[in-house]
C-alpha atoms as a PDB file:
ATOM      1  CA  MET A   1       0.053   0.120   0.170  1.00  0.00           C
ATOM      2  CA  ASP A   2       1.216   3.117  -0.729  1.00  0.00           C
ATOM      3  CA  THR A   3       2.513   5.310   2.568  1.00  0.00           C
ATOM      4  CA  ASN A   4       0.863   8.649   1.689  1.00  0.00           C
ATOM      5  CA  THR A   5      -2.847   7.285   1.006  1.00  0.00           C
ATOM      6  CA  LYS A   6      -4.572   8.001   4.346  1.00  0.00           C
ATOM      7  CA  VAL A   7      -6.593   5.187   5.852  1.00  0.00           C
ATOM      8  CA  HIS A   8      -9.844   5.958   7.705  1.00  0.00           C
ATOM      9  CA  HIS A   9     -10.886   3.017   9.757  1.00  0.00           C
ATOM     10  CA  GLY A  10     -14.305   4.512  10.502  1.00  0.00           C
ATOM     11  CA  HIS A  11     -15.186   5.238   7.329  1.00  0.00           C
ATOM     12  CA  ASN A  12     -13.994   1.541   5.854  1.00  0.00           C
ATOM     13  CA  ILE A  13     -15.996   0.069   8.743  1.00  0.00           C
ATOM     14  CA  LYS A  14     -18.789   2.363   7.273  1.00  0.00           C
ATOM     15  CA  ARG A  15     -18.533   1.429   3.910  1.00  0.00           C
ATOM     16  CA  LEU A  16     -18.050  -2.282   4.519  1.00  0.00           C
ATOM     17  CA  ARG A  17     -21.284  -2.280   6.749  1.00  0.00           C
ATOM     18  CA  GLU A  18     -23.467  -0.671   4.122  1.00  0.00           C
ATOM     19  CA  MET A  19     -21.693  -3.513   1.305  1.00  0.00           C
ATOM     20  CA  LEU A  20     -23.086  -5.654   3.942  1.00  0.00           C
ATOM     21  CA  GLY A  21     -26.542  -4.944   4.761  1.00  0.00           C
ATOM     22  CA  ILE A  22     -25.749  -4.562   8.196  1.00  0.00           C
ATOM     23  CA  LYS A  23     -27.247  -1.715  10.758  1.00  0.00           C
ATOM     24  CA  GLN A  24     -25.840   0.318  12.814  1.00  0.00           C
ATOM     25  CA  ASP A  25     -27.667  -1.092  15.966  1.00  0.00           C
ATOM     26  CA  THR A  26     -27.249  -4.801  15.305  1.00  0.00           C
ATOM     27  CA  ILE A  27     -23.138  -3.915  15.525  1.00  0.00           C
ATOM     28  CA  ALA A  28     -23.644  -1.663  18.681  1.00  0.00           C
ATOM     29  CA  PHE A  29     -26.313  -4.341  20.463  1.00  0.00           C
ATOM     30  CA  GLU A  30     -23.436  -7.288  19.450  1.00  0.00           C
ATOM     31  CA  MET A  31     -20.666  -5.019  20.943  1.00  0.00           C
ATOM     32  CA  ASN A  32     -22.739  -4.175  24.304  1.00  0.00           C
ATOM     33  CA  ILE A  33     -23.255  -0.006  23.052  1.00  0.00           C
ATOM     34  CA  THR A  34     -25.538   2.439  22.464  1.00  0.00           C
ATOM     35  CA  GLN A  35     -26.084   3.115  18.567  1.00  0.00           C
ATOM     36  CA  GLN A  36     -24.690   6.422  19.118  1.00  0.00           C
ATOM     37  CA  SER A  37     -21.323   5.474  20.636  1.00  0.00           C
ATOM     38  CA  PHE A  38     -21.266   3.138  17.448  1.00  0.00           C
ATOM     39  CA  SER A  39     -21.836   6.109  15.247  1.00  0.00           C
ATOM     40  CA  GLU A  40     -18.828   7.578  16.622  1.00  0.00           C
ATOM     41  CA  ILE A  41     -16.616   5.012  15.939  1.00  0.00           C
ATOM     42  CA  GLU A  42     -17.396   5.164  12.532  1.00  0.00           C
ATOM     43  CA  GLN A  43     -15.832   9.169  12.609  1.00  0.00           C
ATOM     44  CA  LYS A  44     -12.827   8.159  13.918  1.00  0.00           C
ATOM     45  CA  GLU A  45      -9.930   8.124  11.576  1.00  0.00           C
ATOM     46  CA  VAL A  46      -8.196   5.653  14.178  1.00  0.00           C
ATOM     47  CA  ILE A  47      -9.749   3.348  16.181  1.00  0.00           C
ATOM     48  CA  ASP A  48      -7.995   0.911  18.820  1.00  0.00           C
ATOM     49  CA  GLU A  49      -6.855  -2.595  17.494  1.00  0.00           C
ATOM     50  CA  LYS A  50      -9.380  -4.348  20.091  1.00  0.00           C
ATOM     51  CA  VAL A  51     -12.111  -2.644  18.727  1.00  0.00           C
ATOM     52  CA  LEU A  52     -11.669  -2.921  14.826  1.00  0.00           C
ATOM     53  CA  SER A  53     -11.007  -6.826  15.929  1.00  0.00           C
ATOM     54  CA  LYS A  54     -14.283  -6.388  17.563  1.00  0.00           C
ATOM     55  CA  VAL A  55     -16.212  -5.333  14.455  1.00  0.00           C
ATOM     56  CA  ALA A  56     -14.567  -7.163  12.104  1.00  0.00           C
ATOM     57  CA  ASP A  57     -15.128 -10.685  14.023  1.00  0.00           C
ATOM     58  CA  ILE A  58     -19.004  -9.033  14.299  1.00  0.00           C
ATOM     59  CA  MET A  59     -18.787  -7.978  10.523  1.00  0.00           C
ATOM     60  CA  LYS A  60     -17.293 -11.460   9.592  1.00  0.00           C
ATOM     61  CA  VAL A  61     -14.479  -9.926   7.341  1.00  0.00           C
ATOM     62  CA  PRO A  62     -10.837  -9.789   7.867  1.00  0.00           C
ATOM     63  CA  ILE A  63      -9.460  -7.062  10.197  1.00  0.00           C
ATOM     64  CA  GLU A  64      -6.981  -6.130   7.174  1.00  0.00           C
ATOM     65  CA  ALA A  65     -10.364  -5.269   5.105  1.00  0.00           C
ATOM     66  CA  ILE A  66     -10.859  -2.578   7.835  1.00  0.00           C
ATOM     67  CA  LYS A  67      -7.409  -1.317   8.007  1.00  0.00           C
ATOM     68  CA  ASN A  68      -5.687  -1.049   4.701  1.00  0.00           C
ATOM     69  CA  MET A  69      -8.988  -0.388   2.672  1.00  0.00           C
ATOM     70  CA  THR A  70      -8.527   2.673   0.536  1.00  0.00           C
ATOM     71  CA  ASP A  71     -10.828   3.631  -2.469  1.00  0.00           C
ATOM     72  CA  GLU A  72      -8.867   1.835  -4.857  1.00  0.00           C
ATOM     73  CA  THR A  73      -8.578  -1.114  -2.831  1.00  0.00           C
ATOM     74  CA  THR A  74     -12.573  -0.564  -1.791  1.00  0.00           C
ATOM     75  CA  ILE A  75     -13.520  -1.765  -5.100  1.00  0.00           C
ATOM     76  CA  ASN A  76     -10.601  -4.720  -5.472  1.00  0.00           C
ATOM     77  CA  TYR A  77     -12.391  -6.352  -2.370  1.00  0.00           C
ATOM     78  CA  ILE A  78     -16.137  -5.656  -3.270  1.00  0.00           C
ATOM     79  CA  ASN A  79     -15.085  -7.250  -6.528  1.00  0.00           C
ATOM     80  CA  THR A  80     -13.161 -10.523  -4.639  1.00  0.00           C
ATOM     81  CA  PHE A  81     -15.776 -10.897  -1.706  1.00  0.00           C
ATOM     82  CA  ASN A  82     -18.584 -11.039  -4.435  1.00  0.00           C
ATOM     83  CA  ASP A  83     -16.711 -13.518  -6.269  1.00  0.00           C
ATOM     84  CA  VAL A  84     -16.029 -15.451  -3.421  1.00  0.00           C
ATOM     85  CA  VAL A  85     -19.881 -15.310  -2.192  1.00  0.00           C
ATOM     86  CA  THR A  86     -21.413 -16.287  -6.080  1.00  0.00           C
ATOM     87  CA  ASN A  87     -18.626 -18.421  -7.631  1.00  0.00           C
ATOM     88  CA  ASN A  88     -18.576 -21.385  -4.390  1.00  0.00           C
ATOM     89  CA  ASN A  89     -20.718 -23.907  -5.803  1.00  0.00           C
ATOM     90  CA  GLY A  90     -23.775 -23.311  -3.534  1.00  0.00           C
ATOM     91  CA  CYS A  91     -21.140 -22.748  -0.253  1.00  0.00           C
ATOM     92  CA  PRO A  92     -22.050 -19.457   0.910  1.00  0.00           C
ATOM     93  CA  PHE A  93     -18.421 -17.708   2.207  1.00  0.00           C
ATOM     94  CA  SER A  94     -16.252 -20.307   1.549  1.00  0.00           C
ATOM     95  CA  TYR A  95     -12.835 -19.955  -0.010  1.00  0.00           C
ATOM     96  CA  ASN A  96     -12.842 -23.692  -0.885  1.00  0.00           C
ATOM     97  CA  SER A  97     -14.592 -23.559  -3.998  1.00  0.00           C
ATOM     98  CA  ASN A  98     -16.268 -27.386  -3.538  1.00  0.00           C
ATOM     99  CA  CYS A  99     -18.957 -28.619  -1.140  1.00  0.00           C
ATOM    100  CA  THR A 100     -17.034 -31.613   0.879  1.00  0.00           C
ATOM    101  CA  PHE A 101     -20.451 -32.942   2.131  1.00  0.00           C
ATOM    102  CA  SER A 102     -23.433 -33.833   1.039  1.00  0.00           C
ATOM    103  CA  PRO A 103     -26.670 -32.271   3.063  1.00  0.00           C
ATOM    104  CA  ILE A 104     -28.515 -34.965   3.232  1.00  0.00           C
ATOM    105  CA  GLU A 105     -26.291 -36.973   5.056  1.00  0.00           C
ATOM    106  CA  LYS A 106     -25.567 -34.785   7.481  1.00  0.00           C
ATOM    107  CA  ILE A 107     -29.202 -34.525   8.519  1.00  0.00           C
ATOM    108  CA  VAL A 108     -29.356 -38.770   7.988  1.00  0.00           C
ATOM    109  CA  GLU A 109     -26.142 -38.168  10.711  1.00  0.00           C
ATOM    110  CA  LEU A 110     -27.493 -35.871  12.975  1.00  0.00           C
ATOM    111  CA  TYR A 111     -31.207 -38.218  13.097  1.00  0.00           C
ATOM    112  CA  ASN A 112     -28.812 -41.487  14.087  1.00  0.00           C
ATOM    113  CA  GLU A 113     -27.244 -39.114  16.661  1.00  0.00           C
ATOM    114  CA  LYS A 114     -30.389 -38.096  18.512  1.00  0.00           C
ATOM    115  CA  ILE A 115     -32.139 -41.737  17.924  1.00  0.00           C
ATOM    116  CA  GLU A 116     -28.303 -42.905  20.094  1.00  0.00           C
ATOM    117  CA  LEU A 117     -29.178 -40.548  22.598  1.00  0.00           C
ATOM    118  CA  TYR A 118     -33.272 -41.206  22.661  1.00  0.00           C
ATOM    119  CA  GLU A 119     -31.770 -45.376  23.341  1.00  0.00           C
ATOM    120  CA  ARG A 120     -29.301 -43.864  26.056  1.00  0.00           C
ATOM    121  CA  MET A 121     -31.619 -42.064  28.145  1.00  0.00           C
ATOM    122  CA  LEU A 122     -34.096 -44.875  27.710  1.00  0.00           C
ATOM    123  CA  LYS A 123     -31.467 -47.136  29.030  1.00  0.00           C
ATOM    124  CA  ASP A 124     -30.695 -44.550  31.853  1.00  0.00           C
ATOM    125  CA  LYS A 125     -34.311 -44.398  32.955  1.00  0.00           C
ATOM    126  CA  GLU A 126     -34.597 -48.197  33.144  1.00  0.00           C
ATOM    127  CA  ALA A 127     -31.595 -48.630  35.414  1.00  0.00           C
ATOM    128  CA  MET A 128     -32.935 -45.613  37.623  1.00  0.00           C
ATOM    129  CA  ILE A 129     -36.037 -47.374  38.370  1.00  0.00           C
ATOM    130  CA  GLU A 130     -34.843 -50.463  38.842  1.00  0.00           C
ATOM    131  CA  LYS A 131     -32.367 -49.185  41.407  1.00  0.00           C
ATOM    132  CA  LEU A 132     -35.110 -47.025  42.918  1.00  0.00           C
ATOM    133  CA  SER A 133     -37.340 -50.186  42.992  1.00  0.00           C
ATOM    134  CA  GLY A 134     -33.933 -52.236  44.315  1.00  0.00           C
ATOM    135  CA  ASP A 135     -33.884 -49.552  47.656  1.00  0.00           C
ATOM    136  CA  LYS A 136     -37.288 -49.878  48.589  1.00  0.00           C
ATOM    137  CA  LYS A 137     -37.565 -53.570  49.041  1.00  0.00           C
END
């Protein structure tokens, strides 16, 4: 990045937030601050690393996107982001262009886990009943 280029962290957060369709009050809620306080963050040229990290996590963007974004890089970032989102064979926000699992198989797997849990609970219940019946004798 050109060292003469000024980066405004707050403006970058605002740009990314608007591109992603996230409202200020949503991020403010996640950060446990008021919407007005978050608005003030968006006005700051330089933002503390800890705050930047938290905002980046909430918006699910790399912190570098906020720290290094300029007018030129904004366009490149948007294009790259859109390419990743739209060209990934149905796996949203994935950098791996091939899904490695079948949704149907996952549903079956979860169903089988549910059945196993239910059977264990029944066995535990029967054991508890047997134990309590034995205590009465």
